[in-house]
Amino acid sequence: MGFMDKAKDFADQHDEQVDKGLDKAGDQIDDRTGNKYSDQIDKGVDQAQARTGEGDTQQQ
């Protein structure tokens, strides 16, 4: 099993934690850019969450 397979398995098994991590990363990026790109960052985080694990577990 390669690294990518292990990463996909981890994301499948820990979807909620992955989604929280993506939210936190998005918030930090948003802060560092002075909230200038909030809409684009939110869309990117939402798309990443939908592609990890079994789907987005975070409700906004």
PDB file of N, CA and C in Angstrom:
ATOM      1  N   MET A   1       0.853  -1.173   0.000  1.00  0.00           N
ATOM      2  CA  MET A   1       0.000   0.000   0.000  1.00  0.00           C
ATOM      3  C   MET A   1       0.900   1.236   0.000  1.00  0.00           C
ATOM      4  N   GLY A   2       0.671   2.136  -0.959  1.00  0.00           N
ATOM      5  CA  GLY A   2       1.471   3.342  -1.080  1.00  0.00           C
ATOM      6  C   GLY A   2       0.995   4.450  -0.160  1.00  0.00           C
ATOM      7  N   PHE A   3       1.746   5.529  -0.150  1.00  0.00           N
ATOM      8  CA  PHE A   3       1.432   6.670   0.702  1.00  0.00           C
ATOM      9  C   PHE A   3       0.050   7.240   0.396  1.00  0.00           C
ATOM     10  N   MET A   4      -0.264   7.405  -0.882  1.00  0.00           N
ATOM     11  CA  MET A   4      -1.560   7.989  -1.248  1.00  0.00           C
ATOM     12  C   MET A   4      -2.713   7.091  -0.809  1.00  0.00           C
ATOM     13  N   ASP A   5      -2.540   5.787  -0.934  1.00  0.00           N
ATOM     14  CA  ASP A   5      -3.580   4.867  -0.475  1.00  0.00           C
ATOM     15  C   ASP A   5      -3.779   4.985   1.032  1.00  0.00           C
ATOM     16  N   LYS A   6      -2.680   5.105   1.768  1.00  0.00           N
ATOM     17  CA  LYS A   6      -2.767   5.256   3.226  1.00  0.00           C
ATOM     18  C   LYS A   6      -3.451   6.576   3.585  1.00  0.00           C
ATOM     19  N   ALA A   7      -3.125   7.634   2.846  1.00  0.00           N
ATOM     20  CA  ALA A   7      -3.741   8.941   3.107  1.00  0.00           C
ATOM     21  C   ALA A   7      -5.247   8.893   2.841  1.00  0.00           C
ATOM     22  N   LYS A   8      -5.642   8.228   1.761  1.00  0.00           N
ATOM     23  CA  LYS A   8      -7.074   8.101   1.448  1.00  0.00           C
ATOM     24  C   LYS A   8      -7.792   7.290   2.517  1.00  0.00           C
ATOM     25  N   ASP A   9      -7.173   6.204   2.969  1.00  0.00           N
ATOM     26  CA  ASP A   9      -7.774   5.395   4.037  1.00  0.00           C
ATOM     27  C   ASP A   9      -7.930   6.211   5.316  1.00  0.00           C
ATOM     28  N   PHE A  10      -6.906   7.006   5.654  1.00  0.00           N
ATOM     29  CA  PHE A  10      -6.981   7.847   6.845  1.00  0.00           C
ATOM     30  C   PHE A  10      -8.128   8.837   6.723  1.00  0.00           C
ATOM     31  N   ALA A  11      -8.237   9.477   5.565  1.00  0.00           N
ATOM     32  CA  ALA A  11      -9.307  10.463   5.361  1.00  0.00           C
ATOM     33  C   ALA A  11     -10.671   9.799   5.462  1.00  0.00           C
ATOM     34  N   ASP A  12     -10.804   8.580   4.949  1.00  0.00           N
ATOM     35  CA  ASP A  12     -12.075   7.862   5.039  1.00  0.00           C
ATOM     36  C   ASP A  12     -12.434   7.535   6.490  1.00  0.00           C
ATOM     37  N   GLN A  13     -11.443   7.156   7.263  1.00  0.00           N
ATOM     38  CA  GLN A  13     -11.690   6.723   8.644  1.00  0.00           C
ATOM     39  C   GLN A  13     -11.843   7.894   9.612  1.00  0.00           C
ATOM     40  N   HIS A  14     -11.305   9.051   9.267  1.00  0.00           N
ATOM     41  CA  HIS A  14     -11.292  10.201  10.182  1.00  0.00           C
ATOM     42  C   HIS A  14     -11.836  11.450   9.498  1.00  0.00           C
ATOM     43  N   ASP A  15     -12.954  11.309   8.837  1.00  0.00           N
ATOM     44  CA  ASP A  15     -13.511  12.395   8.036  1.00  0.00           C
ATOM     45  C   ASP A  15     -13.785  13.648   8.864  1.00  0.00           C
ATOM     46  N   GLU A  16     -14.320  13.495  10.035  1.00  0.00           N
ATOM     47  CA  GLU A  16     -14.653  14.663  10.860  1.00  0.00           C
ATOM     48  C   GLU A  16     -13.399  15.446  11.237  1.00  0.00           C
ATOM     49  N   GLN A  17     -12.324  14.741  11.626  1.00  0.00           N
ATOM     50  CA  GLN A  17     -11.083  15.411  11.987  1.00  0.00           C
ATOM     51  C   GLN A  17     -10.457  16.099  10.773  1.00  0.00           C
ATOM     52  N   VAL A  18     -10.514  15.455   9.613  1.00  0.00           N
ATOM     53  CA  VAL A  18      -9.971  16.046   8.394  1.00  0.00           C
ATOM     54  C   VAL A  18     -10.739  17.315   8.051  1.00  0.00           C
ATOM     55  N   ASP A  19     -12.063  17.263   8.144  1.00  0.00           N
ATOM     56  CA  ASP A  19     -12.884  18.444   7.847  1.00  0.00           C
ATOM     57  C   ASP A  19     -12.562  19.593   8.802  1.00  0.00           C
ATOM     58  N   LYS A  20     -12.376  19.285  10.081  1.00  0.00           N
ATOM     59  CA  LYS A  20     -12.023  20.328  11.052  1.00  0.00           C
ATOM     60  C   LYS A  20     -10.661  20.925  10.727  1.00  0.00           C
ATOM     61  N   GLY A  21      -9.716  20.082  10.327  1.00  0.00           N
ATOM     62  CA  GLY A  21      -8.389  20.567   9.956  1.00  0.00           C
ATOM     63  C   GLY A  21      -8.439  21.476   8.737  1.00  0.00           C
ATOM     64  N   LEU A  22      -9.254  21.111   7.764  1.00  0.00           N
ATOM     65  CA  LEU A  22      -9.413  21.953   6.574  1.00  0.00           C
ATOM     66  C   LEU A  22     -10.032  23.297   6.936  1.00  0.00           C
ATOM     67  N   ASP A  23     -11.029  23.282   7.833  1.00  0.00           N
ATOM     68  CA  ASP A  23     -11.638  24.538   8.292  1.00  0.00           C
ATOM     69  C   ASP A  23     -10.600  25.432   8.965  1.00  0.00           C
ATOM     70  N   LYS A  24      -9.793  24.830   9.836  1.00  0.00           N
ATOM     71  CA  LYS A  24      -8.784  25.585  10.563  1.00  0.00           C
ATOM     72  C   LYS A  24      -7.740  26.171   9.603  1.00  0.00           C
ATOM     73  N   ALA A  25      -7.310  25.371   8.638  1.00  0.00           N
ATOM     74  CA  ALA A  25      -6.343  25.855   7.647  1.00  0.00           C
ATOM     75  C   ALA A  25      -6.943  26.995   6.829  1.00  0.00           C
ATOM     76  N   GLY A  26      -8.194  26.859   6.430  1.00  0.00           N
ATOM     77  CA  GLY A  26      -8.865  27.914   5.683  1.00  0.00           C
ATOM     78  C   GLY A  26      -8.962  29.198   6.474  1.00  0.00           C
ATOM     79  N   ASP A  27      -9.268  29.074   7.764  1.00  0.00           N
ATOM     80  CA  ASP A  27      -9.346  30.260   8.631  1.00  0.00           C
ATOM     81  C   ASP A  27      -7.993  30.951   8.747  1.00  0.00           C
ATOM     82  N   GLN A  28      -6.923  30.172   8.875  1.00  0.00           N
ATOM     83  CA  GLN A  28      -5.587  30.766   8.984  1.00  0.00           C
ATOM     84  C   GLN A  28      -5.189  31.475   7.693  1.00  0.00           C
ATOM     85  N   ILE A  29      -5.489  30.856   6.562  1.00  0.00           N
ATOM     86  CA  ILE A  29      -5.190  31.494   5.281  1.00  0.00           C
ATOM     87  C   ILE A  29      -5.995  32.779   5.135  1.00  0.00           C
ATOM     88  N   ASP A  30      -7.254  32.711   5.533  1.00  0.00           N
ATOM     89  CA  ASP A  30      -8.118  33.893   5.462  1.00  0.00           C
ATOM     90  C   ASP A  30      -7.550  35.027   6.314  1.00  0.00           C
ATOM     91  N   ASP A  31      -7.100  34.702   7.523  1.00  0.00           N
ATOM     92  CA  ASP A  31      -6.505  35.717   8.402  1.00  0.00           C
ATOM     93  C   ASP A  31      -5.249  36.323   7.779  1.00  0.00           C
ATOM     94  N   ARG A  32      -4.407  35.475   7.205  1.00  0.00           N
ATOM     95  CA  ARG A  32      -3.138  35.958   6.648  1.00  0.00           C
ATOM     96  C   ARG A  32      -3.329  36.803   5.395  1.00  0.00           C
ATOM     97  N   THR A  33      -4.448  36.625   4.720  1.00  0.00           N
ATOM     98  CA  THR A  33      -4.712  37.434   3.529  1.00  0.00           C
ATOM     99  C   THR A  33      -5.618  38.618   3.851  1.00  0.00           C
ATOM    100  N   GLY A  34      -5.827  38.867   5.135  1.00  0.00           N
ATOM    101  CA  GLY A  34      -6.650  39.996   5.553  1.00  0.00           C
ATOM    102  C   GLY A  34      -8.102  39.855   5.145  1.00  0.00           C
ATOM    103  N   ASN A  35      -8.602  38.634   5.102  1.00  0.00           N
ATOM    104  CA  ASN A  35      -9.993  38.330   4.729  1.00  0.00           C
ATOM    105  C   ASN A  35     -10.344  38.838   3.328  1.00  0.00           C
ATOM    106  N   LYS A  36      -9.330  39.052   2.519  1.00  0.00           N
ATOM    107  CA  LYS A  36      -9.521  39.597   1.180  1.00  0.00           C
ATOM    108  C   LYS A  36     -10.136  38.571   0.217  1.00  0.00           C
ATOM    109  N   TYR A  37      -9.897  37.297   0.482  1.00  0.00           N
ATOM    110  CA  TYR A  37     -10.350  36.239  -0.429  1.00  0.00           C
ATOM    111  C   TYR A  37     -11.269  35.236   0.281  1.00  0.00           C
ATOM    112  N   SER A  38     -12.047  35.706   1.225  1.00  0.00           N
ATOM    113  CA  SER A  38     -12.877  34.824   2.059  1.00  0.00           C
ATOM    114  C   SER A  38     -13.781  33.909   1.241  1.00  0.00           C
ATOM    115  N   ASP A  39     -14.459  34.454   0.256  1.00  0.00           N
ATOM    116  CA  ASP A  39     -15.386  33.644  -0.540  1.00  0.00           C
ATOM    117  C   ASP A  39     -14.659  32.530  -1.278  1.00  0.00           C
ATOM    118  N   GLN A  40     -13.522  32.847  -1.884  1.00  0.00           N
ATOM    119  CA  GLN A  40     -12.771  31.848  -2.630  1.00  0.00           C
ATOM    120  C   GLN A  40     -12.204  30.781  -1.697  1.00  0.00           C
ATOM    121  N   ILE A  41     -11.718  31.196  -0.541  1.00  0.00           N
ATOM    122  CA  ILE A  41     -11.165  30.250   0.433  1.00  0.00           C
ATOM    123  C   ILE A  41     -12.261  29.325   0.938  1.00  0.00           C
ATOM    124  N   ASP A  42     -13.426  29.881   1.260  1.00  0.00           N
ATOM    125  CA  ASP A  42     -14.545  29.055   1.733  1.00  0.00           C
ATOM    126  C   ASP A  42     -14.963  28.029   0.685  1.00  0.00           C
ATOM    127  N   LYS A  43     -15.019  28.451  -0.574  1.00  0.00           N
ATOM    128  CA  LYS A  43     -15.385  27.523  -1.644  1.00  0.00           C
ATOM    129  C   LYS A  43     -14.353  26.411  -1.780  1.00  0.00           C
ATOM    130  N   GLY A  44     -13.077  26.762  -1.679  1.00  0.00           N
ATOM    131  CA  GLY A  44     -12.016  25.765  -1.770  1.00  0.00           C
ATOM    132  C   GLY A  44     -12.065  24.776  -0.629  1.00  0.00           C
ATOM    133  N   VAL A  45     -12.302  25.267   0.575  1.00  0.00           N
ATOM    134  CA  VAL A  45     -12.406  24.389   1.746  1.00  0.00           C
ATOM    135  C   VAL A  45     -13.608  23.460   1.582  1.00  0.00           C
ATOM    136  N   ASP A  46     -14.736  23.994   1.151  1.00  0.00           N
ATOM    137  CA  ASP A  46     -15.937  23.172   0.954  1.00  0.00           C
ATOM    138  C   ASP A  46     -15.686  22.079  -0.076  1.00  0.00           C
ATOM    139  N   GLN A  47     -15.014  22.403  -1.167  1.00  0.00           N
ATOM    140  CA  GLN A  47     -14.724  21.409  -2.201  1.00  0.00           C
ATOM    141  C   GLN A  47     -13.758  20.345  -1.678  1.00  0.00           C
ATOM    142  N   ALA A  48     -12.758  20.762  -0.916  1.00  0.00           N
ATOM    143  CA  ALA A  48     -11.806  19.803  -0.350  1.00  0.00           C
ATOM    144  C   ALA A  48     -12.513  18.869   0.632  1.00  0.00           C
ATOM    145  N   GLN A  49     -13.407  19.419   1.455  1.00  0.00           N
ATOM    146  CA  GLN A  49     -14.138  18.600   2.418  1.00  0.00           C
ATOM    147  C   GLN A  49     -15.033  17.591   1.705  1.00  0.00           C
ATOM    148  N   ALA A  50     -15.626  17.981   0.612  1.00  0.00           N
ATOM    149  CA  ALA A  50     -16.512  17.075  -0.128  1.00  0.00           C
ATOM    150  C   ALA A  50     -15.739  15.930  -0.764  1.00  0.00           C
ATOM    151  N   ARG A  51     -14.450  16.119  -0.976  1.00  0.00           N
ATOM    152  CA  ARG A  51     -13.631  15.101  -1.642  1.00  0.00           C
ATOM    153  C   ARG A  51     -12.860  14.225  -0.669  1.00  0.00           C
ATOM    154  N   THR A  52     -12.937  14.514   0.618  1.00  0.00           N
ATOM    155  CA  THR A  52     -12.212  13.711   1.603  1.00  0.00           C
ATOM    156  C   THR A  52     -13.190  12.856   2.377  1.00  0.00           C
ATOM    157  N   GLY A  53     -12.748  11.696   2.753  1.00  0.00           N
ATOM    158  CA  GLY A  53     -13.593  10.805   3.532  1.00  0.00           C
ATOM    159  C   GLY A  53     -14.880  10.487   2.817  1.00  0.00           C
ATOM    160  N   GLU A  54     -15.940  10.491   3.555  1.00  0.00           N
ATOM    161  CA  GLU A  54     -17.246  10.160   2.988  1.00  0.00           C
ATOM    162  C   GLU A  54     -18.050  11.411   2.681  1.00  0.00           C
ATOM    163  N   GLY A  55     -17.425  12.559   2.672  1.00  0.00           N
ATOM    164  CA  GLY A  55     -18.118  13.802   2.379  1.00  0.00           C
ATOM    165  C   GLY A  55     -17.995  14.797   3.487  1.00  0.00           C
ATOM    166  N   ASP A  56     -18.575  15.946   3.302  1.00  0.00           N
ATOM    167  CA  ASP A  56     -18.472  17.042   4.253  1.00  0.00           C
ATOM    168  C   ASP A  56     -19.306  16.738   5.487  1.00  0.00           C
ATOM    169  N   THR A  57     -18.648  16.750   6.666  1.00  0.00           N
ATOM    170  CA  THR A  57     -19.371  16.524   7.911  1.00  0.00           C
ATOM    171  C   THR A  57     -19.639  17.820   8.642  1.00  0.00           C
ATOM    172  N   GLN A  58     -19.032  18.927   8.198  1.00  0.00           N
ATOM    173  CA  GLN A  58     -19.203  20.213   8.865  1.00  0.00           C
ATOM    174  C   GLN A  58     -20.413  20.928   8.309  1.00  0.00           C
ATOM    175  N   GLN A  59     -21.242  21.439   9.179  1.00  0.00           N
ATOM    176  CA  GLN A  59     -22.405  22.229   8.774  1.00  0.00           C
ATOM    177  C   GLN A  59     -22.090  23.686   8.998  1.00  0.00           C
ATOM    178  N   GLN A  60     -22.411  24.539   8.041  1.00  0.00           N
ATOM    179  CA  GLN A  60     -22.134  25.962   8.176  1.00  0.00           C
ATOM    180  C   GLN A  60     -23.397  26.728   8.363  1.00  0.00           C
TER     181      GLN A  60
END
